[in-house]
Amino acid sequence: MIRFEATFRGIEIRGRMSGIQLRNFKSAVPKHHRNFVWDEKIWIADNSQQQALRSIFPNPNYKIAFLTLKQAPVTVKMFRIYYIGSTKIDYSNMARGTINPTGDGEWVAIFPKQVLEDWFSFGPPKPPEKFNLSGNFYQKLGLTEKADSGEIKKAYRKLAKKFHPDLGGDGDKFKIIATSYKVLSDPKKKKLYDAGIALENMNSSKNSRASRRSNQWNEFSPPQRCGDILAKGESRLGLFFVNSILKWNQIQNDSGKILETKWDSSLNKVKKYWI
């Protein structure tokens, strides 16, 4: 017997549907109004789909008990998202994010197109700020990526005089400056770091072009596909629907390399790259 329960998540459909019922359910209830929860083996439909469910399950023996659902509370949640897809027209212009490193199942976060566009605002990149401690290693020394070894050394010495703790400076800031100089002053490390920046810039440019092209079809492809994301939203259908992104940090390993991911359609899995 199929049993229905109204919860904060939506209308939970418990029990095994027949093949015909499942086909009718998927046909009548839009993708963005239903979700299958793998670990519980149940479907959840949005409360707005009551009429569609009644048409699929008209037999009173199913004991359909629809209750008036309360609005799901808005909460703040932290995710480690390994891949965010592109927004889809047939998914009400929303994109899904997975917390599984391989992308198998576990699509737990839903990002509306407008939320992603607000975070990844279009426009030309801003010029690098001088001495930007939140920027790359060159910006942390107040330099551009074209700086040579002499300019790097000169910039480091100037900042060391200002921030070295033995000279009354800020020890935390000096550690950041020293780390940047340690990489950029070593030819081998600098070469690897420059290659990583070049790859990141290339991917950013490529994704930006892809994003603009996708807009012709009312879709959006985020320039970044993974990260530690702090978001505000609400839990529905066993998913977290993001209302706004508060913070997005890149995923780094112990070696300081940054994770980039893409979807491998041939394997139907997420592929990971550390750069």
C-alpha atoms as a PDB file:
ATOM      1  CA  MET A   1       0.000   0.000   0.000  1.00  0.00           C
ATOM      2  CA  ILE A   2       1.247   3.463  -0.869  1.00  0.00           C
ATOM      3  CA  ARG A   3       1.219   5.905   2.028  1.00  0.00           C
ATOM      4  CA  PHE A   4       1.548   9.688   1.926  1.00  0.00           C
ATOM      5  CA  GLU A   5       2.969  11.894   4.671  1.00  0.00           C
ATOM      6  CA  ALA A   6       3.099  15.678   4.648  1.00  0.00           C
ATOM      7  CA  THR A   7       6.297  17.009   6.223  1.00  0.00           C
ATOM      8  CA  PHE A   8       8.485  20.100   6.066  1.00  0.00           C
ATOM      9  CA  ARG A   9      10.268  18.460   3.146  1.00  0.00           C
ATOM     10  CA  GLY A  10       7.077  18.030   1.114  1.00  0.00           C
ATOM     11  CA  ILE A  11       4.694  15.147   0.431  1.00  0.00           C
ATOM     12  CA  GLU A  12       6.586  11.935   1.129  1.00  0.00           C
ATOM     13  CA  ILE A  13       5.417   8.975  -0.948  1.00  0.00           C
ATOM     14  CA  ARG A  14       6.155   5.748   0.898  1.00  0.00           C
ATOM     15  CA  GLY A  15       5.635   2.313  -0.579  1.00  0.00           C
ATOM     16  CA  ARG A  16       6.460   0.800  -3.951  1.00  0.00           C
ATOM     17  CA  MET A  17       4.780   2.290  -7.017  1.00  0.00           C
ATOM     18  CA  SER A  18       3.934   0.126  -9.985  1.00  0.00           C
ATOM     19  CA  GLY A  19       5.758   0.759 -13.245  1.00  0.00           C
ATOM     20  CA  ILE A  20       2.739   2.574 -14.702  1.00  0.00           C
ATOM     21  CA  GLN A  21       2.319   4.695 -11.568  1.00  0.00           C
ATOM     22  CA  LEU A  22       5.973   5.685 -11.620  1.00  0.00           C
ATOM     23  CA  ARG A  23       5.803   6.692 -15.302  1.00  0.00           C
ATOM     24  CA  ASN A  24       2.631   8.700 -14.674  1.00  0.00           C
ATOM     25  CA  PHE A  25       4.215  10.302 -11.610  1.00  0.00           C
ATOM     26  CA  LYS A  26       7.306  11.415 -13.539  1.00  0.00           C
ATOM     27  CA  SER A  27       5.146  12.670 -16.407  1.00  0.00           C
ATOM     28  CA  ALA A  28       2.707  14.628 -14.229  1.00  0.00           C
ATOM     29  CA  VAL A  29       5.099  16.087 -11.640  1.00  0.00           C
ATOM     30  CA  PRO A  30       7.850  18.370 -13.066  1.00  0.00           C
ATOM     31  CA  LYS A  31      11.483  17.538 -12.284  1.00  0.00           C
ATOM     32  CA  HIS A  32      11.980  20.520 -10.008  1.00  0.00           C
ATOM     33  CA  HIS A  33       8.911  19.528  -7.961  1.00  0.00           C
ATOM     34  CA  ARG A  34      10.049  15.994  -7.143  1.00  0.00           C
ATOM     35  CA  ASN A  35      13.105  14.237  -5.771  1.00  0.00           C
ATOM     36  CA  PHE A  36      14.102  10.667  -4.962  1.00  0.00           C
ATOM     37  CA  VAL A  37      15.888  10.296  -1.617  1.00  0.00           C
ATOM     38  CA  TRP A  38      18.302   7.424  -2.162  1.00  0.00           C
ATOM     39  CA  ASP A  39      19.123   6.509   1.423  1.00  0.00           C
ATOM     40  CA  GLU A  40      15.412   6.366   2.382  1.00  0.00           C
ATOM     41  CA  LYS A  41      14.194   4.965  -0.956  1.00  0.00           C
ATOM     42  CA  ILE A  42      11.245   7.371  -1.090  1.00  0.00           C
ATOM     43  CA  TRP A  43       9.943  10.015  -3.466  1.00  0.00           C
ATOM     44  CA  ILE A  44       9.114  13.504  -2.226  1.00  0.00           C
ATOM     45  CA  ALA A  45       6.810  15.808  -4.161  1.00  0.00           C
ATOM     46  CA  ASP A  46       6.239  19.511  -3.622  1.00  0.00           C
ATOM     47  CA  ASN A  47       3.035  20.438  -1.799  1.00  0.00           C
ATOM     48  CA  SER A  48       1.898  22.312  -4.924  1.00  0.00           C
ATOM     49  CA  GLN A  49       1.528  18.947  -6.715  1.00  0.00           C
ATOM     50  CA  GLN A  50      -1.454  17.700  -4.687  1.00  0.00           C
ATOM     51  CA  GLN A  51      -3.821  17.772  -7.663  1.00  0.00           C
ATOM     52  CA  ALA A  52      -1.396  15.850  -9.872  1.00  0.00           C
ATOM     53  CA  LEU A  53      -0.928  13.217  -7.176  1.00  0.00           C
ATOM     54  CA  ARG A  54      -4.670  12.811  -6.735  1.00  0.00           C
ATOM     55  CA  SER A  55      -5.025  12.151 -10.468  1.00  0.00           C
ATOM     56  CA  ILE A  56      -2.313   9.472 -10.344  1.00  0.00           C
ATOM     57  CA  PHE A  57      -3.541   7.821  -7.148  1.00  0.00           C
ATOM     58  CA  PRO A  58      -7.367   8.193  -7.222  1.00  0.00           C
ATOM     59  CA  ASN A  59      -8.128   5.031  -5.269  1.00  0.00           C
ATOM     60  CA  PRO A  60      -9.209   5.974  -1.716  1.00  0.00           C
ATOM     61  CA  ASN A  61      -7.533   2.793  -0.456  1.00  0.00           C
ATOM     62  CA  TYR A  62      -4.233   4.625  -0.899  1.00  0.00           C
ATOM     63  CA  LYS A  63      -5.220   6.710   2.114  1.00  0.00           C
ATOM     64  CA  ILE A  64      -3.957   9.973   0.697  1.00  0.00           C
ATOM     65  CA  ALA A  65      -3.752  12.336   3.667  1.00  0.00           C
ATOM     66  CA  PHE A  66      -2.650  15.759   2.505  1.00  0.00           C
ATOM     67  CA  LEU A  67      -1.964  18.213   5.262  1.00  0.00           C
ATOM     68  CA  THR A  68      -1.349  21.935   5.090  1.00  0.00           C
ATOM     69  CA  LEU A  69       2.420  22.238   5.131  1.00  0.00           C
ATOM     70  CA  LYS A  70       4.174  25.009   7.009  1.00  0.00           C
ATOM     71  CA  GLN A  71       6.714  27.072   5.138  1.00  0.00           C
ATOM     72  CA  ALA A  72      10.153  25.517   5.454  1.00  0.00           C
ATOM     73  CA  PRO A  73      12.360  27.719   7.669  1.00  0.00           C
ATOM     74  CA  VAL A  74      15.195  29.657   6.036  1.00  0.00           C
ATOM     75  CA  THR A  75      18.547  28.465   7.355  1.00  0.00           C
ATOM     76  CA  VAL A  76      22.266  28.963   6.675  1.00  0.00           C
ATOM     77  CA  LYS A  77      24.243  25.907   5.629  1.00  0.00           C
ATOM     78  CA  MET A  78      27.857  25.092   4.744  1.00  0.00           C
ATOM     79  CA  PHE A  79      28.519  22.632   1.907  1.00  0.00           C
ATOM     80  CA  ARG A  80      31.574  21.135   0.283  1.00  0.00           C
ATOM     81  CA  ILE A  81      30.239  20.981  -3.270  1.00  0.00           C
ATOM     82  CA  TYR A  82      32.313  18.923  -5.709  1.00  0.00           C
ATOM     83  CA  TYR A  83      30.377  19.813  -8.836  1.00  0.00           C
ATOM     84  CA  ILE A  84      27.621  22.203  -9.891  1.00  0.00           C
ATOM     85  CA  GLY A  85      25.995  21.576 -13.244  1.00  0.00           C
ATOM     86  CA  SER A  86      24.581  24.136 -15.647  1.00  0.00           C
ATOM     87  CA  THR A  87      21.083  25.485 -15.158  1.00  0.00           C
ATOM     88  CA  LYS A  88      18.480  23.663 -17.217  1.00  0.00           C
ATOM     89  CA  ILE A  89      15.310  24.994 -18.788  1.00  0.00           C
ATOM     90  CA  ASP A  90      13.444  21.780 -17.979  1.00  0.00           C
ATOM     91  CA  TYR A  91      14.579  22.128 -14.359  1.00  0.00           C
ATOM     92  CA  SER A  92      13.034  25.580 -13.989  1.00  0.00           C
ATOM     93  CA  ASN A  93      16.380  27.327 -14.725  1.00  0.00           C
ATOM     94  CA  MET A  94      18.102  25.747 -11.747  1.00  0.00           C
ATOM     95  CA  ALA A  95      21.365  23.807 -11.377  1.00  0.00           C
ATOM     96  CA  ARG A  96      22.158  20.906  -9.058  1.00  0.00           C
ATOM     97  CA  GLY A  97      25.212  20.532  -6.818  1.00  0.00           C
ATOM     98  CA  THR A  98      26.647  17.287  -5.468  1.00  0.00           C
ATOM     99  CA  ILE A  99      28.535  16.618  -2.233  1.00  0.00           C
ATOM    100  CA  ASN A 100      29.815  13.295  -3.586  1.00  0.00           C
ATOM    101  CA  PRO A 101      33.402  13.508  -4.945  1.00  0.00           C
ATOM    102  CA  THR A 102      32.434  11.212  -7.856  1.00  0.00           C
ATOM    103  CA  GLY A 103      29.003  12.714  -8.480  1.00  0.00           C
ATOM    104  CA  ASP A 104      27.164   9.415  -7.891  1.00  0.00           C
ATOM    105  CA  GLY A 105      23.705  10.331  -6.577  1.00  0.00           C
ATOM    106  CA  GLU A 106      23.617  12.787  -3.677  1.00  0.00           C
ATOM    107  CA  TRP A 107      22.609  15.886  -5.633  1.00  0.00           C
ATOM    108  CA  VAL A 108      21.712  17.813  -2.506  1.00  0.00           C
ATOM    109  CA  ALA A 109      21.887  21.531  -3.347  1.00  0.00           C
ATOM    110  CA  ILE A 110      19.778  23.445  -5.861  1.00  0.00           C
ATOM    111  CA  PHE A 111      21.062  26.754  -7.265  1.00  0.00           C
ATOM    112  CA  PRO A 112      18.622  28.982  -9.185  1.00  0.00           C
ATOM    113  CA  LYS A 113      20.069  30.718 -12.222  1.00  0.00           C
ATOM    114  CA  GLN A 114      19.607  34.181 -10.708  1.00  0.00           C
ATOM    115  CA  VAL A 115      21.544  33.200  -7.573  1.00  0.00           C
ATOM    116  CA  LEU A 116      24.513  31.977  -9.621  1.00  0.00           C
ATOM    117  CA  GLU A 117      24.428  35.040 -11.886  1.00  0.00           C
ATOM    118  CA  ASP A 118      24.344  37.324  -8.856  1.00  0.00           C
ATOM    119  CA  TRP A 119      27.439  35.617  -7.433  1.00  0.00           C
ATOM    120  CA  PHE A 120      29.342  35.342 -10.729  1.00  0.00           C
ATOM    121  CA  SER A 121      28.420  38.807 -11.974  1.00  0.00           C
ATOM    122  CA  PHE A 122      29.283  39.457 -15.610  1.00  0.00           C
ATOM    123  CA  GLY A 123      31.673  42.152 -16.714  1.00  0.00           C
ATOM    124  CA  PRO A 124      35.374  42.688 -17.385  1.00  0.00           C
ATOM    125  CA  PRO A 125      37.737  41.468 -14.648  1.00  0.00           C
ATOM    126  CA  LYS A 126      38.839  44.123 -12.224  1.00  0.00           C
ATOM    127  CA  PRO A 127      42.523  45.116 -12.377  1.00  0.00           C
ATOM    128  CA  PRO A 128      44.574  43.526  -9.595  1.00  0.00           C
ATOM    129  CA  GLU A 129      44.848  45.622  -6.480  1.00  0.00           C
ATOM    130  CA  LYS A 130      48.302  46.522  -5.259  1.00  0.00           C
ATOM    131  CA  PHE A 131      49.320  44.655  -2.132  1.00  0.00           C
ATOM    132  CA  ASN A 132      46.159  42.566  -1.973  1.00  0.00           C
ATOM    133  CA  LEU A 133      46.623  39.940   0.766  1.00  0.00           C
ATOM    134  CA  SER A 134      43.547  38.051  -0.447  1.00  0.00           C
ATOM    135  CA  GLY A 135      44.851  37.863  -4.030  1.00  0.00           C
ATOM    136  CA  ASN A 136      47.413  35.592  -5.659  1.00  0.00           C
ATOM    137  CA  PHE A 137      51.095  35.499  -4.650  1.00  0.00           C
ATOM    138  CA  TYR A 138      51.985  38.347  -7.027  1.00  0.00           C
ATOM    139  CA  GLN A 139      49.224  40.573  -5.667  1.00  0.00           C
ATOM    140  CA  LYS A 140      50.293  39.772  -2.104  1.00  0.00           C
ATOM    141  CA  LEU A 141      53.612  41.435  -2.999  1.00  0.00           C
ATOM    142  CA  GLY A 142      51.931  44.320  -4.809  1.00  0.00           C
ATOM    143  CA  LEU A 143      53.063  43.077  -8.241  1.00  0.00           C
ATOM    144  CA  THR A 144      51.598  41.999 -11.560  1.00  0.00           C
ATOM    145  CA  GLU A 145      52.155  38.530 -13.006  1.00  0.00           C
ATOM    146  CA  LYS A 146      54.769  39.982 -15.407  1.00  0.00           C
ATOM    147  CA  ALA A 147      57.157  40.876 -12.564  1.00  0.00           C
ATOM    148  CA  ASP A 148      60.722  39.567 -12.949  1.00  0.00           C
ATOM    149  CA  SER A 149      63.010  38.199 -10.215  1.00  0.00           C
ATOM    150  CA  GLY A 150      64.515  41.612  -9.464  1.00  0.00           C
ATOM    151  CA  GLU A 151      61.112  43.235  -8.986  1.00  0.00           C
ATOM    152  CA  ILE A 152      59.979  40.333  -6.794  1.00  0.00           C
ATOM    153  CA  LYS A 153      63.010  40.656  -4.523  1.00  0.00           C
ATOM    154  CA  LYS A 154      62.676  44.448  -4.323  1.00  0.00           C
ATOM    155  CA  ALA A 155      58.978  44.232  -3.424  1.00  0.00           C
ATOM    156  CA  TYR A 156      59.622  41.605  -0.755  1.00  0.00           C
ATOM    157  CA  ARG A 157      62.369  43.625   0.926  1.00  0.00           C
ATOM    158  CA  LYS A 158      60.177  46.716   0.989  1.00  0.00           C
ATOM    159  CA  LEU A 159      57.264  44.837   2.580  1.00  0.00           C
ATOM    160  CA  ALA A 160      59.569  42.972   4.997  1.00  0.00           C
ATOM    161  CA  LYS A 161      60.768  46.288   6.428  1.00  0.00           C
ATOM    162  CA  LYS A 162      57.176  47.269   7.037  1.00  0.00           C
ATOM    163  CA  PHE A 163      55.688  44.010   8.354  1.00  0.00           C
ATOM    164  CA  HIS A 164      58.513  41.967   9.898  1.00  0.00           C
ATOM    165  CA  PRO A 165      57.560  41.347  13.563  1.00  0.00           C
ATOM    166  CA  ASP A 166      61.139  42.061  14.738  1.00  0.00           C
ATOM    167  CA  LEU A 167      60.657  45.565  13.339  1.00  0.00           C
ATOM    168  CA  GLY A 168      57.292  46.055  15.041  1.00  0.00           C
ATOM    169  CA  GLY A 169      55.196  44.853  12.114  1.00  0.00           C
ATOM    170  CA  ASP A 170      52.222  42.498  11.797  1.00  0.00           C
ATOM    171  CA  GLY A 171      53.525  38.926  12.115  1.00  0.00           C
ATOM    172  CA  ASP A 172      50.504  37.303  10.440  1.00  0.00           C
ATOM    173  CA  LYS A 173      50.744  39.539   7.387  1.00  0.00           C
ATOM    174  CA  PHE A 174      54.486  38.959   7.182  1.00  0.00           C
ATOM    175  CA  LYS A 175      53.922  35.166   7.082  1.00  0.00           C
ATOM    176  CA  ILE A 176      51.657  35.629   4.051  1.00  0.00           C
ATOM    177  CA  ILE A 177      54.238  37.843   2.345  1.00  0.00           C
ATOM    178  CA  ALA A 178      57.075  35.425   3.150  1.00  0.00           C
ATOM    179  CA  THR A 179      55.130  32.453   1.769  1.00  0.00           C
ATOM    180  CA  SER A 180      54.468  34.324  -1.471  1.00  0.00           C
ATOM    181  CA  TYR A 181      58.134  35.272  -1.820  1.00  0.00           C
ATOM    182  CA  LYS A 182      59.298  31.714  -1.062  1.00  0.00           C
ATOM    183  CA  VAL A 183      57.357  30.430  -4.081  1.00  0.00           C
ATOM    184  CA  LEU A 184      58.063  33.279  -6.498  1.00  0.00           C
ATOM    185  CA  SER A 185      61.780  33.465  -5.699  1.00  0.00           C
ATOM    186  CA  ASP A 186      62.290  29.778  -6.530  1.00  0.00           C
ATOM    187  CA  PRO A 187      62.454  29.363 -10.345  1.00  0.00           C
ATOM    188  CA  LYS A 188      60.974  25.838 -10.319  1.00  0.00           C
ATOM    189  CA  LYS A 189      58.151  26.691  -7.915  1.00  0.00           C
ATOM    190  CA  LYS A 190      57.458  29.933  -9.787  1.00  0.00           C
ATOM    191  CA  LYS A 191      57.220  28.071 -13.100  1.00  0.00           C
ATOM    192  CA  LEU A 192      54.646  25.643 -11.664  1.00  0.00           C
ATOM    193  CA  TYR A 193      52.713  28.465 -10.018  1.00  0.00           C
ATOM    194  CA  ASP A 194      52.662  30.521 -13.235  1.00  0.00           C
ATOM    195  CA  ALA A 195      51.381  27.454 -15.114  1.00  0.00           C
ATOM    196  CA  GLY A 196      48.561  27.107 -12.603  1.00  0.00           C
ATOM    197  CA  ILE A 197      47.582  30.769 -13.001  1.00  0.00           C
ATOM    198  CA  ALA A 198      47.672  30.437 -16.792  1.00  0.00           C
ATOM    199  CA  LEU A 199      45.415  27.363 -16.635  1.00  0.00           C
ATOM    200  CA  GLU A 200      43.029  29.092 -14.256  1.00  0.00           C
ATOM    201  CA  ASN A 201      42.837  32.164 -16.504  1.00  0.00           C
ATOM    202  CA  MET A 202      42.296  29.981 -19.562  1.00  0.00           C
ATOM    203  CA  ASN A 203      39.502  28.020 -17.877  1.00  0.00           C
ATOM    204  CA  SER A 204      37.940  31.225 -16.590  1.00  0.00           C
ATOM    205  CA  SER A 205      37.947  32.731 -20.078  1.00  0.00           C
ATOM    206  CA  LYS A 206      36.588  29.528 -21.611  1.00  0.00           C
ATOM    207  CA  ASN A 207      33.853  29.195 -19.006  1.00  0.00           C
ATOM    208  CA  SER A 208      32.944  32.862 -19.413  1.00  0.00           C
ATOM    209  CA  ARG A 209      32.478  32.388 -23.161  1.00  0.00           C
ATOM    210  CA  ALA A 210      30.493  29.221 -22.523  1.00  0.00           C
ATOM    211  CA  SER A 211      28.340  31.069 -20.010  1.00  0.00           C
ATOM    212  CA  ARG A 212      27.546  33.841 -22.492  1.00  0.00           C
ATOM    213  CA  ARG A 213      26.733  31.296 -25.211  1.00  0.00           C
ATOM    214  CA  SER A 214      24.481  29.334 -22.878  1.00  0.00           C
ATOM    215  CA  ASN A 215      22.480  32.481 -22.177  1.00  0.00           C
ATOM    216  CA  GLN A 216      21.131  32.236 -25.715  1.00  0.00           C
ATOM    217  CA  TRP A 217      19.265  29.151 -24.479  1.00  0.00           C
ATOM    218  CA  ASN A 218      18.406  30.759 -21.150  1.00  0.00           C
ATOM    219  CA  GLU A 219      20.954  28.562 -19.376  1.00  0.00           C
ATOM    220  CA  PHE A 220      23.950  29.441 -17.219  1.00  0.00           C
ATOM    221  CA  SER A 221      27.230  27.573 -16.693  1.00  0.00           C
ATOM    222  CA  PRO A 222      29.044  28.708 -13.519  1.00  0.00           C
ATOM    223  CA  PRO A 223      32.742  29.601 -14.036  1.00  0.00           C
ATOM    224  CA  GLN A 224      33.573  27.670 -10.861  1.00  0.00           C
ATOM    225  CA  ARG A 225      32.153  24.191 -10.406  1.00  0.00           C
ATOM    226  CA  CYS A 226      33.245  23.325  -6.866  1.00  0.00           C
ATOM    227  CA  GLY A 227      34.035  24.915  -3.517  1.00  0.00           C
ATOM    228  CA  ASP A 228      33.225  25.239   0.159  1.00  0.00           C
ATOM    229  CA  ILE A 229      29.998  27.211  -0.057  1.00  0.00           C
ATOM    230  CA  LEU A 230      28.132  29.020   2.700  1.00  0.00           C
ATOM    231  CA  ALA A 231      24.558  29.626   1.567  1.00  0.00           C
ATOM    232  CA  LYS A 232      21.189  30.749   2.841  1.00  0.00           C
ATOM    233  CA  GLY A 233      18.140  28.758   1.780  1.00  0.00           C
ATOM    234  CA  GLU A 234      15.468  26.270   2.748  1.00  0.00           C
ATOM    235  CA  SER A 235      15.149  22.494   2.833  1.00  0.00           C
ATOM    236  CA  ARG A 236      12.469  21.040   0.565  1.00  0.00           C
ATOM    237  CA  LEU A 237      12.062  17.682  -1.182  1.00  0.00           C
ATOM    238  CA  GLY A 238      15.082  16.399   0.715  1.00  0.00           C
ATOM    239  CA  LEU A 239      17.192  19.065  -1.041  1.00  0.00           C
ATOM    240  CA  PHE A 240      18.590  22.450  -0.030  1.00  0.00           C
ATOM    241  CA  PHE A 241      17.250  25.242  -2.255  1.00  0.00           C
ATOM    242  CA  VAL A 242      19.735  28.113  -2.171  1.00  0.00           C
ATOM    243  CA  ASN A 243      18.291  31.623  -1.894  1.00  0.00           C
ATOM    244  CA  SER A 244      21.650  33.391  -1.762  1.00  0.00           C
ATOM    245  CA  ILE A 245      25.357  32.539  -1.638  1.00  0.00           C
ATOM    246  CA  LEU A 246      27.155  34.144   1.300  1.00  0.00           C
ATOM    247  CA  LYS A 247      30.681  32.797   0.785  1.00  0.00           C
ATOM    248  CA  TRP A 248      32.535  30.618  -1.714  1.00  0.00           C
ATOM    249  CA  ASN A 249      36.048  29.338  -0.929  1.00  0.00           C
ATOM    250  CA  GLN A 250      38.186  27.245  -3.248  1.00  0.00           C
ATOM    251  CA  ILE A 251      39.011  23.710  -2.093  1.00  0.00           C
ATOM    252  CA  GLN A 252      42.725  23.310  -1.347  1.00  0.00           C
ATOM    253  CA  ASN A 253      44.795  20.268  -0.428  1.00  0.00           C
ATOM    254  CA  ASP A 254      47.675  20.114   2.064  1.00  0.00           C
ATOM    255  CA  SER A 255      50.102  21.137  -0.704  1.00  0.00           C
ATOM    256  CA  GLY A 256      48.165  24.322  -1.396  1.00  0.00           C
ATOM    257  CA  LYS A 257      46.868  23.116  -4.764  1.00  0.00           C
ATOM    258  CA  ILE A 258      43.365  24.138  -5.809  1.00  0.00           C
ATOM    259  CA  LEU A 259      40.687  21.684  -6.906  1.00  0.00           C
ATOM    260  CA  GLU A 260      38.938  22.079 -10.241  1.00  0.00           C
ATOM    261  CA  THR A 261      36.279  19.679 -11.471  1.00  0.00           C
ATOM    262  CA  LYS A 262      34.352  18.952 -14.632  1.00  0.00           C
ATOM    263  CA  TRP A 263      31.723  16.438 -15.653  1.00  0.00           C
ATOM    264  CA  ASP A 264      32.906  13.458 -17.690  1.00  0.00           C
ATOM    265  CA  SER A 265      29.865  12.521 -19.759  1.00  0.00           C
ATOM    266  CA  SER A 266      31.513   9.318 -21.029  1.00  0.00           C
ATOM    267  CA  LEU A 267      31.886   7.970 -17.461  1.00  0.00           C
ATOM    268  CA  ASN A 268      28.917   9.910 -16.062  1.00  0.00           C
ATOM    269  CA  LYS A 269      31.117  11.029 -13.172  1.00  0.00           C
ATOM    270  CA  VAL A 270      32.985  14.030 -11.813  1.00  0.00           C
ATOM    271  CA  LYS A 271      36.662  14.326 -12.810  1.00  0.00           C
ATOM    272  CA  LYS A 272      39.013  16.148 -10.421  1.00  0.00           C
ATOM    273  CA  TYR A 273      42.148  18.181 -11.189  1.00  0.00           C
ATOM    274  CA  TRP A 274      44.561  19.713  -8.663  1.00  0.00           C
ATOM    275  CA  ILE A 275      46.355  22.764 -10.019  1.00  0.00           C
END
